[in-house]
Structure formats: structure tokens, C-alpha cells
Amino acid sequence: MPPNAETGIDQSPIELSIIIPAHNEAATIGQQLDALTAQHWDGTWELIVVDNCSTDATADVVESYGRTDRRVRLVSATEIPSRNYARNVGIHASRGVAFALTDADDIVGSQWVGAMGDALRTHELVTGPLELDRLNPPELAGSRGRRHEWKSPTFWEIFPCAHGNNIGMQRAAWDRIGGFDEDPRLLGSEDLEISMRAWIDGIELYFATDAMVHYRYRTDPHVLWQQARRYGRSRPMLVRKLREAGRARPPRFAGWRSWIWLVVHLPDLRRAAGRAGWVWVAGNRLGQLEGSIRYRSLFV
């Protein structure tokens, strides 16, 4: 198929589209693009960065890569400041029969493109491990545990979850379950929510061990606290969706051990090595309490 007459963009289908939503990521996105454009795979693939209402030089950085690598393309998503909206815009603009998503402030592993591309040839939904030490100081790297480094998580052992910064889907499966949910109440649980719908639809999650992403945590305590609250606040809404779908839900007081943990580990606030973990757990607990009240779905 020839290029689109209006845009000049080739519209012929390819095997894989890599989508990166980006909001004010000029400081880090170059590292991610360097990691991606250095990779080789025997299939056909493209790289789309979706600029979601950035006010910094994100677009300029991406366009500079596009001038030297035809696989790199910039797409604008300016109507809503939302990661899921940006993801959907990028996927709609892409040509791949499958797509893989990662984030602008992380760095994919050296085999990520090939591992994702190969897995998506035979699996509808794919995720991979998150490596924590390369981009985070030691006191931060272990603050949330290490389970993401060797297996996909689950939502309270009810359904398996893909990582939002390391997820791939066949387009037919994405079309079937309805794309990413742009409901702002799900902010922080977007990856859990689409994993839940995939699970309800009968889609199996495949864990590709070579599709590794180096995950960057927030370092500022205030930013970390606010992020943890957002994540926690969205969990009761997810539980409500499970209930509405007629599926099992976690116990209403499933997190009681975490409240005890916060009391026992109060002395950790005196040390940098323990502070990040305490702030993360506390923010999550408070967020879940807020979400339980706001969405009338008790889950603390």
C-alpha cells in the first residue's frame, strides 16, 4: 500500500508497533530511544512516541531521532492529559498487527524488541520482567520487593497482570476487549484493568523472560507519596469492576497486615534505606481508604 496522500506516511501493515506515551519526558526519552533504535529483529517494526500535552522539548527530541531513523514517528495526543488516552491514540495511529508499550522514562533491555515481537507471533498478551537496580539507588530499588523481576504479578491471586510499562498485545485481542479504559478514576491501575478484561475474555498472559525493562522509580519523596496515593485510590474502583463482572473479589480488609507493618516500621523513617518503602506503603494505604469511600467499594 502506498503512503497516505495527505500525511505521506506509509500505511502498509507491519508486524509490530512500539508505542511510547510521553508527557514532559525530554530529560529521559533520549535514553529510551537510544536503547530501542539500537535493536534488531527479523520482523518489521516501527516506533511511535505519543506526545501527550508536553510543554518541554519532548517533541523536538523525538523529531531529531525521526530525521535519522525512518522507524521513529511522533504522534500528538493533545485533547486529554491521560496516559491511556495517549496509548489509544498511538495504537490507532500504528500499523502493527501487534503492539508493545513501554514508558519514556524507563529503558528497555537489549533483547526487548525481539523478545516481544517473537512472543506476540503466538501469544495474544505478553509481559516481561522489570529490572530495578540499573536506574535506581540501592535504598529505592528494593523498597517495593523484587517479585516483578522474575514473574508477572497477580491481583490478589485472582488474575495475572501485565506491567503497564512492559506490555504487548495482538491488535485483534485489543480490538476485541475494547482498548485501554480512559476513565480517570483508574489512574494508577490502568495495567491491572486491561489485564482484568483480558482475563475475563479468556486471554492468557505470557511472560517473556527476555523482554526486560529497566524500571525507573520516582526519587522525590513528595512525588513518590502522591504516586502511591493515586495507585491506592484506584484499587477499590478495580474491585468494584470485578464485583460488577460477577467475579471473585479480594477480601474487604485484605491489606490489614500493611497497616500493622506501618506501625512496626515507623523507625524506618529515620533511615533513607527504609523511608521510601514506608512512604510507598503508607501512600497506598491512605489512597485505598480514600478510594473505598469515594467509590463505595470497601477495600483497605
C-alpha atoms as a PDB file:
ATOM      1  CA  MET A   1       0.000   0.000   0.000  1.00  0.00           C
ATOM      2  CA  PRO A   2       1.458   3.423  -0.936  1.00  0.00           C
ATOM      3  CA  PRO A   3       1.927   6.264   1.552  1.00  0.00           C
ATOM      4  CA  ASN A   4      -1.176   8.184   2.601  1.00  0.00           C
ATOM      5  CA  ALA A   5      -1.640  11.083   0.182  1.00  0.00           C
ATOM      6  CA  GLU A   6      -2.316  13.585   2.973  1.00  0.00           C
ATOM      7  CA  THR A   7       0.270  12.563   5.564  1.00  0.00           C
ATOM      8  CA  GLY A   8       2.956  10.927   3.433  1.00  0.00           C
ATOM      9  CA  ILE A   9       3.057   8.082   5.987  1.00  0.00           C
ATOM     10  CA  ASP A  10       3.253   4.502   4.753  1.00  0.00           C
ATOM     11  CA  GLN A  11       0.013   2.741   5.728  1.00  0.00           C
ATOM     12  CA  SER A  12       1.010  -0.821   4.839  1.00  0.00           C
ATOM     13  CA  PRO A  13       0.726  -3.305   7.738  1.00  0.00           C
ATOM     14  CA  ILE A  14       3.786  -4.450   9.656  1.00  0.00           C
ATOM     15  CA  GLU A  15       4.351  -6.994  12.410  1.00  0.00           C
ATOM     16  CA  LEU A  16       4.991  -4.819  15.435  1.00  0.00           C
ATOM     17  CA  SER A  17       4.399  -1.237  16.564  1.00  0.00           C
ATOM     18  CA  ILE A  18       6.175   0.037  19.660  1.00  0.00           C
ATOM     19  CA  ILE A  19       4.177   2.749  21.421  1.00  0.00           C
ATOM     20  CA  ILE A  20       5.600   5.184  23.997  1.00  0.00           C
ATOM     21  CA  PRO A  21       3.239   7.695  25.662  1.00  0.00           C
ATOM     22  CA  ALA A  22       5.196  10.746  26.774  1.00  0.00           C
ATOM     23  CA  HIS A  23       4.396  13.834  28.835  1.00  0.00           C
ATOM     24  CA  ASN A  24       7.330  16.197  29.524  1.00  0.00           C
ATOM     25  CA  GLU A  25       9.945  13.450  29.169  1.00  0.00           C
ATOM     26  CA  ALA A  26      12.653  15.386  27.318  1.00  0.00           C
ATOM     27  CA  ALA A  27      15.185  14.625  30.065  1.00  0.00           C
ATOM     28  CA  THR A  28      14.888  10.842  29.762  1.00  0.00           C
ATOM     29  CA  ILE A  29      13.313   9.837  26.468  1.00  0.00           C
ATOM     30  CA  GLY A  30      16.601  10.010  24.573  1.00  0.00           C
ATOM     31  CA  GLN A  31      17.965   7.109  26.628  1.00  0.00           C
ATOM     32  CA  GLN A  32      14.903   5.040  25.791  1.00  0.00           C
ATOM     33  CA  LEU A  33      15.074   5.862  22.089  1.00  0.00           C
ATOM     34  CA  ASP A  34      18.793   5.032  22.019  1.00  0.00           C
ATOM     35  CA  ALA A  35      18.063   1.619  23.531  1.00  0.00           C
ATOM     36  CA  LEU A  36      15.248   0.897  21.085  1.00  0.00           C
ATOM     37  CA  THR A  37      16.799   2.117  17.844  1.00  0.00           C
ATOM     38  CA  ALA A  38      19.954   0.073  18.509  1.00  0.00           C
ATOM     39  CA  GLN A  39      17.974  -3.183  18.433  1.00  0.00           C
ATOM     40  CA  HIS A  40      17.461  -5.600  15.566  1.00  0.00           C
ATOM     41  CA  TRP A  41      14.699  -8.100  14.892  1.00  0.00           C
ATOM     42  CA  ASP A  42      13.873 -10.211  11.853  1.00  0.00           C
ATOM     43  CA  GLY A  43      10.325  -8.835  11.687  1.00  0.00           C
ATOM     44  CA  THR A  44       9.078  -5.433  10.525  1.00  0.00           C
ATOM     45  CA  TRP A  45       8.524  -2.820  13.209  1.00  0.00           C
ATOM     46  CA  GLU A  46       8.022   0.870  13.882  1.00  0.00           C
ATOM     47  CA  LEU A  47       8.427   3.144  16.890  1.00  0.00           C
ATOM     48  CA  ILE A  48       5.738   5.702  17.751  1.00  0.00           C
ATOM     49  CA  VAL A  49       6.111   8.287  20.515  1.00  0.00           C
ATOM     50  CA  VAL A  50       2.819   9.892  21.526  1.00  0.00           C
ATOM     51  CA  ASP A  51       3.363  13.422  22.810  1.00  0.00           C
ATOM     52  CA  ASN A  52       0.619  13.901  25.404  1.00  0.00           C
ATOM     53  CA  CYS A  53       0.364  17.656  26.116  1.00  0.00           C
ATOM     54  CA  SER A  54       4.091  18.169  26.765  1.00  0.00           C
ATOM     55  CA  THR A  55       5.339  21.689  27.455  1.00  0.00           C
ATOM     56  CA  ASP A  56       9.039  20.836  27.286  1.00  0.00           C
ATOM     57  CA  ALA A  57      11.220  19.715  24.356  1.00  0.00           C
ATOM     58  CA  THR A  58       9.876  16.135  24.180  1.00  0.00           C
ATOM     59  CA  ALA A  59       8.596  16.573  20.615  1.00  0.00           C
ATOM     60  CA  ASP A  60      11.870  18.139  19.458  1.00  0.00           C
ATOM     61  CA  VAL A  61      13.888  15.241  20.856  1.00  0.00           C
ATOM     62  CA  VAL A  62      11.687  12.660  19.142  1.00  0.00           C
ATOM     63  CA  GLU A  63      11.698  14.507  15.822  1.00  0.00           C
ATOM     64  CA  SER A  64      15.502  14.616  15.885  1.00  0.00           C
ATOM     65  CA  TYR A  65      15.550  10.814  16.054  1.00  0.00           C
ATOM     66  CA  GLY A  66      12.942  10.580  13.303  1.00  0.00           C
ATOM     67  CA  ARG A  67      15.185  12.531  10.938  1.00  0.00           C
ATOM     68  CA  THR A  68      17.846   9.808  11.093  1.00  0.00           C
ATOM     69  CA  ASP A  69      15.706   6.695  11.637  1.00  0.00           C
ATOM     70  CA  ARG A  70      12.596   6.202   9.494  1.00  0.00           C
ATOM     71  CA  ARG A  71      11.121   3.795  12.029  1.00  0.00           C
ATOM     72  CA  VAL A  72      10.641   6.629  14.555  1.00  0.00           C
ATOM     73  CA  ARG A  73       7.475   8.685  14.337  1.00  0.00           C
ATOM     74  CA  LEU A  74       5.902  11.376  16.528  1.00  0.00           C
ATOM     75  CA  VAL A  75       2.141  11.450  17.103  1.00  0.00           C
ATOM     76  CA  SER A  76       0.292  14.150  19.060  1.00  0.00           C
ATOM     77  CA  ALA A  77      -2.445  13.456  21.607  1.00  0.00           C
ATOM     78  CA  THR A  78      -3.495  16.842  22.931  1.00  0.00           C
ATOM     79  CA  GLU A  79      -7.204  16.570  23.784  1.00  0.00           C
ATOM     80  CA  ILE A  80      -6.820  14.867  27.179  1.00  0.00           C
ATOM     81  CA  PRO A  81      -3.809  14.735  29.536  1.00  0.00           C
ATOM     82  CA  SER A  82      -4.092  10.984  30.076  1.00  0.00           C
ATOM     83  CA  ARG A  83      -1.677   8.090  29.629  1.00  0.00           C
ATOM     84  CA  ASN A  84      -4.395   5.685  28.477  1.00  0.00           C
ATOM     85  CA  TYR A  85      -5.762   8.241  26.025  1.00  0.00           C
ATOM     86  CA  ALA A  86      -2.236   8.661  24.635  1.00  0.00           C
ATOM     87  CA  ARG A  87      -1.827   4.876  24.405  1.00  0.00           C
ATOM     88  CA  ASN A  88      -5.077   4.540  22.462  1.00  0.00           C
ATOM     89  CA  VAL A  89      -4.141   7.384  20.105  1.00  0.00           C
ATOM     90  CA  GLY A  90      -0.778   5.765  19.414  1.00  0.00           C
ATOM     91  CA  ILE A  91      -2.277   2.342  18.775  1.00  0.00           C
ATOM     92  CA  HIS A  92      -4.908   3.776  16.419  1.00  0.00           C
ATOM     93  CA  ALA A  93      -2.122   5.547  14.502  1.00  0.00           C
ATOM     94  CA  SER A  94       0.068   2.457  14.291  1.00  0.00           C
ATOM     95  CA  ARG A  95       0.398  -0.141  11.530  1.00  0.00           C
ATOM     96  CA  GLY A  96       1.331  -3.232  13.508  1.00  0.00           C
ATOM     97  CA  VAL A  97      -0.738  -6.387  13.711  1.00  0.00           C
ATOM     98  CA  ALA A  98       0.624  -6.390  17.268  1.00  0.00           C
ATOM     99  CA  PHE A  99       1.943  -3.633  19.503  1.00  0.00           C
ATOM    100  CA  ALA A 100       4.184  -3.308  22.547  1.00  0.00           C
ATOM    101  CA  LEU A 101       4.103  -0.473  25.072  1.00  0.00           C
ATOM    102  CA  THR A 102       6.819   0.908  27.295  1.00  0.00           C
ATOM    103  CA  ASP A 103       7.402   4.232  29.056  1.00  0.00           C
ATOM    104  CA  ALA A 104       9.548   7.214  28.161  1.00  0.00           C
ATOM    105  CA  ASP A 105      11.404   7.345  31.489  1.00  0.00           C
ATOM    106  CA  ASP A 106      12.418   3.672  31.512  1.00  0.00           C
ATOM    107  CA  ILE A 107      14.962   1.822  29.359  1.00  0.00           C
ATOM    108  CA  VAL A 108      14.225  -1.438  27.576  1.00  0.00           C
ATOM    109  CA  GLY A 109      16.661  -4.323  27.800  1.00  0.00           C
ATOM    110  CA  SER A 110      18.913  -5.153  24.850  1.00  0.00           C
ATOM    111  CA  GLN A 111      16.677  -8.020  23.609  1.00  0.00           C
ATOM    112  CA  TRP A 112      13.300  -6.413  24.287  1.00  0.00           C
ATOM    113  CA  VAL A 113      12.123  -5.764  20.718  1.00  0.00           C
ATOM    114  CA  GLY A 114      12.930  -9.282  19.530  1.00  0.00           C
ATOM    115  CA  ALA A 115      11.549 -10.954  22.647  1.00  0.00           C
ATOM    116  CA  MET A 116       8.288  -9.018  22.415  1.00  0.00           C
ATOM    117  CA  GLY A 117       7.991  -9.453  18.664  1.00  0.00           C
ATOM    118  CA  ASP A 118       8.636 -13.192  18.760  1.00  0.00           C
ATOM    119  CA  ALA A 119       6.234 -13.766  21.659  1.00  0.00           C
ATOM    120  CA  LEU A 120       3.443 -11.777  20.027  1.00  0.00           C
ATOM    121  CA  ARG A 121       3.570 -14.006  16.963  1.00  0.00           C
ATOM    122  CA  THR A 122       1.963 -16.778  19.009  1.00  0.00           C
ATOM    123  CA  HIS A 123       0.541 -15.117  22.164  1.00  0.00           C
ATOM    124  CA  GLU A 124      -2.235 -12.538  22.439  1.00  0.00           C
ATOM    125  CA  LEU A 125      -0.958 -10.810  25.587  1.00  0.00           C
ATOM    126  CA  VAL A 126       2.675 -10.571  26.704  1.00  0.00           C
ATOM    127  CA  THR A 127       4.629  -9.015  29.551  1.00  0.00           C
ATOM    128  CA  GLY A 128       8.163  -9.367  30.868  1.00  0.00           C
ATOM    129  CA  PRO A 129      10.365  -8.724  33.903  1.00  0.00           C
ATOM    130  CA  LEU A 130      11.196  -5.339  35.413  1.00  0.00           C
ATOM    131  CA  GLU A 131      14.823  -4.835  36.447  1.00  0.00           C
ATOM    132  CA  LEU A 132      15.285  -2.369  39.305  1.00  0.00           C
ATOM    133  CA  ASP A 133      18.975  -1.776  40.013  1.00  0.00           C
ATOM    134  CA  ARG A 134      20.231  -0.024  36.889  1.00  0.00           C
ATOM    135  CA  LEU A 135      18.137   3.153  37.239  1.00  0.00           C
ATOM    136  CA  ASN A 136      17.545   3.312  40.997  1.00  0.00           C
ATOM    137  CA  PRO A 137      19.763   3.852  44.062  1.00  0.00           C
ATOM    138  CA  PRO A 138      20.013   0.787  46.339  1.00  0.00           C
ATOM    139  CA  GLU A 139      17.715   2.203  49.031  1.00  0.00           C
ATOM    140  CA  LEU A 140      14.990   2.688  46.415  1.00  0.00           C
ATOM    141  CA  ALA A 141      15.470  -0.416  44.255  1.00  0.00           C
ATOM    142  CA  GLY A 142      14.330  -2.849  46.924  1.00  0.00           C
ATOM    143  CA  SER A 143      11.659  -0.661  48.508  1.00  0.00           C
ATOM    144  CA  ARG A 144       8.710  -2.479  46.869  1.00  0.00           C
ATOM    145  CA  GLY A 145      10.069  -6.013  46.834  1.00  0.00           C
ATOM    146  CA  ARG A 146      11.603  -7.931  43.951  1.00  0.00           C
ATOM    147  CA  ARG A 147       8.763 -10.066  42.627  1.00  0.00           C
ATOM    148  CA  HIS A 148       8.485  -8.033  39.380  1.00  0.00           C
ATOM    149  CA  GLU A 149      11.973  -9.149  38.368  1.00  0.00           C
ATOM    150  CA  TRP A 150      11.140 -12.808  37.783  1.00  0.00           C
ATOM    151  CA  LYS A 151       7.403 -13.248  37.246  1.00  0.00           C
ATOM    152  CA  SER A 152       4.253 -11.351  36.363  1.00  0.00           C
ATOM    153  CA  PRO A 153       2.264 -10.160  39.385  1.00  0.00           C
ATOM    154  CA  THR A 154      -1.330 -11.049  40.127  1.00  0.00           C
ATOM    155  CA  PHE A 155      -4.155  -9.021  41.608  1.00  0.00           C
ATOM    156  CA  TRP A 156      -4.593 -10.812  44.915  1.00  0.00           C
ATOM    157  CA  GLU A 157      -4.118 -14.168  43.147  1.00  0.00           C
ATOM    158  CA  ILE A 158      -7.342 -13.559  41.191  1.00  0.00           C
ATOM    159  CA  PHE A 159      -5.926 -12.739  37.757  1.00  0.00           C
ATOM    160  CA  PRO A 160      -2.425 -12.263  36.276  1.00  0.00           C
ATOM    161  CA  CYS A 161      -1.294  -8.718  35.476  1.00  0.00           C
ATOM    162  CA  ALA A 162       0.843  -7.281  32.718  1.00  0.00           C
ATOM    163  CA  HIS A 163       3.157  -4.388  33.571  1.00  0.00           C
ATOM    164  CA  GLY A 164       1.950  -1.098  32.068  1.00  0.00           C
ATOM    165  CA  ASN A 165       5.500  -0.184  31.026  1.00  0.00           C
ATOM    166  CA  ASN A 166       6.123  -3.643  29.551  1.00  0.00           C
ATOM    167  CA  ILE A 167       3.024  -4.951  27.797  1.00  0.00           C
ATOM    168  CA  GLY A 168       2.337  -6.296  24.323  1.00  0.00           C
ATOM    169  CA  MET A 169      -0.930  -7.311  22.653  1.00  0.00           C
ATOM    170  CA  GLN A 170      -2.101  -8.614  19.348  1.00  0.00           C
ATOM    171  CA  ARG A 171      -4.282  -5.947  17.781  1.00  0.00           C
ATOM    172  CA  ALA A 172      -7.199  -8.342  17.287  1.00  0.00           C
ATOM    173  CA  ALA A 173      -7.284  -9.053  21.028  1.00  0.00           C
ATOM    174  CA  TRP A 174      -7.070  -5.338  21.848  1.00  0.00           C
ATOM    175  CA  ASP A 175      -9.947  -4.603  19.487  1.00  0.00           C
ATOM    176  CA  ARG A 176     -11.976  -7.423  20.984  1.00  0.00           C
ATOM    177  CA  ILE A 177     -11.751  -6.250  24.601  1.00  0.00           C
ATOM    178  CA  GLY A 178     -12.163  -2.570  23.756  1.00  0.00           C
ATOM    179  CA  GLY A 179      -8.757  -0.913  24.134  1.00  0.00           C
ATOM    180  CA  PHE A 180      -7.445   0.944  27.184  1.00  0.00           C
ATOM    181  CA  ASP A 181     -10.054   2.380  29.552  1.00  0.00           C
ATOM    182  CA  GLU A 182      -9.676   6.175  29.717  1.00  0.00           C
ATOM    183  CA  ASP A 183     -11.703   6.555  32.930  1.00  0.00           C
ATOM    184  CA  PRO A 184      -9.603   8.917  35.133  1.00  0.00           C
ATOM    185  CA  ARG A 185     -10.718   7.040  38.243  1.00  0.00           C
ATOM    186  CA  LEU A 186      -8.464   4.176  37.134  1.00  0.00           C
ATOM    187  CA  LEU A 187      -5.307   6.307  37.180  1.00  0.00           C
ATOM    188  CA  GLY A 188      -2.635   4.040  38.647  1.00  0.00           C
ATOM    189  CA  SER A 189      -4.483   0.807  37.827  1.00  0.00           C
ATOM    190  CA  GLU A 190      -4.661   1.062  34.042  1.00  0.00           C
ATOM    191  CA  ASP A 191      -2.498  -2.011  33.507  1.00  0.00           C
ATOM    192  CA  LEU A 192      -4.464  -4.000  36.088  1.00  0.00           C
ATOM    193  CA  GLU A 193      -7.772  -3.025  34.495  1.00  0.00           C
ATOM    194  CA  ILE A 194      -6.870  -4.104  30.962  1.00  0.00           C
ATOM    195  CA  SER A 195      -5.308  -7.285  32.370  1.00  0.00           C
ATOM    196  CA  MET A 196      -8.601  -7.969  34.158  1.00  0.00           C
ATOM    197  CA  ARG A 197     -10.657  -7.563  30.987  1.00  0.00           C
ATOM    198  CA  ALA A 198      -8.234  -9.773  29.060  1.00  0.00           C
ATOM    199  CA  TRP A 199      -8.557 -12.432  31.760  1.00  0.00           C
ATOM    200  CA  ILE A 200     -12.357 -12.244  31.695  1.00  0.00           C
ATOM    201  CA  ASP A 201     -12.207 -12.655  27.905  1.00  0.00           C
ATOM    202  CA  GLY A 202     -10.112 -15.806  28.300  1.00  0.00           C
ATOM    203  CA  ILE A 203      -6.826 -14.327  27.067  1.00  0.00           C
ATOM    204  CA  GLU A 204      -3.770 -15.946  28.641  1.00  0.00           C
ATOM    205  CA  LEU A 205      -0.867 -13.761  29.753  1.00  0.00           C
ATOM    206  CA  TYR A 206       2.537 -14.953  28.524  1.00  0.00           C
ATOM    207  CA  PHE A 207       5.666 -13.981  30.481  1.00  0.00           C
ATOM    208  CA  ALA A 208       8.615 -13.452  28.110  1.00  0.00           C
ATOM    209  CA  THR A 209      11.746 -13.648  30.260  1.00  0.00           C
ATOM    210  CA  ASP A 210      13.943 -11.806  27.722  1.00  0.00           C
ATOM    211  CA  ALA A 211      11.508  -8.880  27.343  1.00  0.00           C
ATOM    212  CA  MET A 212      13.094  -6.991  30.222  1.00  0.00           C
ATOM    213  CA  VAL A 213      12.610  -3.315  31.041  1.00  0.00           C
ATOM    214  CA  HIS A 214      14.824  -1.304  33.384  1.00  0.00           C
ATOM    215  CA  TYR A 215      12.227   0.435  35.584  1.00  0.00           C
ATOM    216  CA  ARG A 216      12.870   3.920  36.990  1.00  0.00           C
ATOM    217  CA  TYR A 217      11.246   4.738  40.345  1.00  0.00           C
ATOM    218  CA  ARG A 218      10.399   8.263  41.453  1.00  0.00           C
ATOM    219  CA  THR A 219      13.070   9.641  43.789  1.00  0.00           C
ATOM    220  CA  ASP A 220      11.370  12.727  45.216  1.00  0.00           C
ATOM    221  CA  PRO A 221       9.517  11.714  48.438  1.00  0.00           C
ATOM    222  CA  HIS A 222       6.587  14.030  47.732  1.00  0.00           C
ATOM    223  CA  VAL A 223       6.183  12.713  44.167  1.00  0.00           C
ATOM    224  CA  LEU A 224       6.514   9.143  45.451  1.00  0.00           C
ATOM    225  CA  TRP A 225       3.827   9.782  48.077  1.00  0.00           C
ATOM    226  CA  GLN A 226       1.389  11.254  45.553  1.00  0.00           C
ATOM    227  CA  GLN A 227       2.002   8.414  43.096  1.00  0.00           C
ATOM    228  CA  ALA A 228       1.376   5.813  45.817  1.00  0.00           C
ATOM    229  CA  ARG A 229      -1.889   7.532  46.797  1.00  0.00           C
ATOM    230  CA  ARG A 230      -3.084   7.539  43.173  1.00  0.00           C
ATOM    231  CA  TYR A 231      -2.291   3.854  42.813  1.00  0.00           C
ATOM    232  CA  GLY A 232      -4.076   3.032  46.057  1.00  0.00           C
ATOM    233  CA  ARG A 233      -7.084   5.231  45.303  1.00  0.00           C
ATOM    234  CA  SER A 234      -7.792   3.392  42.051  1.00  0.00           C
ATOM    235  CA  ARG A 235      -7.732  -0.127  43.548  1.00  0.00           C
ATOM    236  CA  PRO A 236     -11.267  -0.004  45.072  1.00  0.00           C
ATOM    237  CA  MET A 237     -12.616   1.019  41.661  1.00  0.00           C
ATOM    238  CA  LEU A 238     -10.974  -2.071  40.186  1.00  0.00           C
ATOM    239  CA  VAL A 239     -12.528  -4.213  42.917  1.00  0.00           C
ATOM    240  CA  ARG A 240     -15.893  -2.664  42.117  1.00  0.00           C
ATOM    241  CA  LYS A 241     -15.455  -3.618  38.445  1.00  0.00           C
ATOM    242  CA  LEU A 242     -14.641  -7.190  39.442  1.00  0.00           C
ATOM    243  CA  ARG A 243     -17.819  -7.342  41.514  1.00  0.00           C
ATOM    244  CA  GLU A 244     -19.901  -5.874  38.689  1.00  0.00           C
ATOM    245  CA  ALA A 245     -18.486  -8.519  36.335  1.00  0.00           C
ATOM    246  CA  GLY A 246     -19.638 -11.234  38.728  1.00  0.00           C
ATOM    247  CA  ARG A 247     -16.080 -12.310  39.557  1.00  0.00           C
ATOM    248  CA  ALA A 248     -14.413 -13.055  42.874  1.00  0.00           C
ATOM    249  CA  ARG A 249     -13.045 -10.018  44.686  1.00  0.00           C
ATOM    250  CA  PRO A 250     -10.322  -9.793  47.313  1.00  0.00           C
ATOM    251  CA  PRO A 251     -11.381  -9.572  50.977  1.00  0.00           C
ATOM    252  CA  ARG A 252     -12.517  -6.126  52.092  1.00  0.00           C
ATOM    253  CA  PHE A 253      -9.752  -5.935  54.711  1.00  0.00           C
ATOM    254  CA  ALA A 254      -7.109  -7.701  52.640  1.00  0.00           C
ATOM    255  CA  GLY A 255      -4.478  -5.080  53.479  1.00  0.00           C
ATOM    256  CA  TRP A 256      -4.704  -5.258  57.275  1.00  0.00           C
ATOM    257  CA  ARG A 257      -1.161  -6.598  57.596  1.00  0.00           C
ATOM    258  CA  SER A 258       0.152  -3.487  55.819  1.00  0.00           C
ATOM    259  CA  TRP A 259      -1.387  -1.218  58.476  1.00  0.00           C
ATOM    260  CA  ILE A 260       0.398  -3.210  61.177  1.00  0.00           C
ATOM    261  CA  TRP A 261       3.599  -3.113  59.119  1.00  0.00           C
ATOM    262  CA  LEU A 262       3.463   0.694  59.011  1.00  0.00           C
ATOM    263  CA  VAL A 263       3.309   0.896  62.815  1.00  0.00           C
ATOM    264  CA  VAL A 264       6.083  -1.641  63.343  1.00  0.00           C
ATOM    265  CA  HIS A 265       8.332   0.059  60.788  1.00  0.00           C
ATOM    266  CA  LEU A 266       7.858   3.669  61.918  1.00  0.00           C
ATOM    267  CA  PRO A 267      11.566   3.776  62.934  1.00  0.00           C
ATOM    268  CA  ASP A 268      12.449   3.203  59.251  1.00  0.00           C
ATOM    269  CA  LEU A 269      11.573   6.849  58.574  1.00  0.00           C
ATOM    270  CA  ARG A 270      14.893   7.805  60.207  1.00  0.00           C
ATOM    271  CA  ARG A 271      16.871   5.992  57.500  1.00  0.00           C
ATOM    272  CA  ALA A 272      16.946   6.666  53.764  1.00  0.00           C
ATOM    273  CA  ALA A 273      17.019   2.924  53.090  1.00  0.00           C
ATOM    274  CA  GLY A 274      13.664   2.436  54.830  1.00  0.00           C
ATOM    275  CA  ARG A 275      11.954   5.747  54.135  1.00  0.00           C
ATOM    276  CA  ALA A 276      10.995   5.065  50.510  1.00  0.00           C
ATOM    277  CA  GLY A 277       9.336   1.755  51.364  1.00  0.00           C
ATOM    278  CA  TRP A 278       7.396   3.246  54.275  1.00  0.00           C
ATOM    279  CA  VAL A 279       6.204   6.220  52.220  1.00  0.00           C
ATOM    280  CA  TRP A 280       5.104   3.906  49.401  1.00  0.00           C
ATOM    281  CA  VAL A 281       3.102   1.589  51.667  1.00  0.00           C
ATOM    282  CA  ALA A 282       1.577   4.489  53.618  1.00  0.00           C
ATOM    283  CA  GLY A 283       0.554   6.306  50.445  1.00  0.00           C
ATOM    284  CA  ASN A 284      -1.064   3.153  49.083  1.00  0.00           C
ATOM    285  CA  ARG A 285      -2.973   2.523  52.317  1.00  0.00           C
ATOM    286  CA  LEU A 286      -4.279   6.079  52.508  1.00  0.00           C
ATOM    287  CA  GLY A 287      -5.195   6.019  48.820  1.00  0.00           C
ATOM    288  CA  GLN A 288      -7.149   2.779  49.198  1.00  0.00           C
ATOM    289  CA  LEU A 289      -9.037   4.242  52.139  1.00  0.00           C
ATOM    290  CA  GLU A 290      -9.884   7.341  50.081  1.00  0.00           C
ATOM    291  CA  GLY A 291     -10.938   5.214  47.106  1.00  0.00           C
ATOM    292  CA  SER A 292     -13.073   2.954  49.287  1.00  0.00           C
ATOM    293  CA  ILE A 293     -15.059   5.987  50.451  1.00  0.00           C
ATOM    294  CA  ARG A 294     -15.168   7.722  47.089  1.00  0.00           C
ATOM    295  CA  TYR A 295     -16.250   4.683  45.055  1.00  0.00           C
ATOM    296  CA  ARG A 296     -18.308   2.947  47.764  1.00  0.00           C
ATOM    297  CA  SER A 297     -16.223  -0.179  47.422  1.00  0.00           C
ATOM    298  CA  LEU A 298     -14.559  -1.152  50.689  1.00  0.00           C
ATOM    299  CA  PHE A 299     -11.030  -2.401  50.081  1.00  0.00           C
ATOM    300  CA  VAL A 300      -8.453  -1.451  52.699  1.00  0.00           C
END
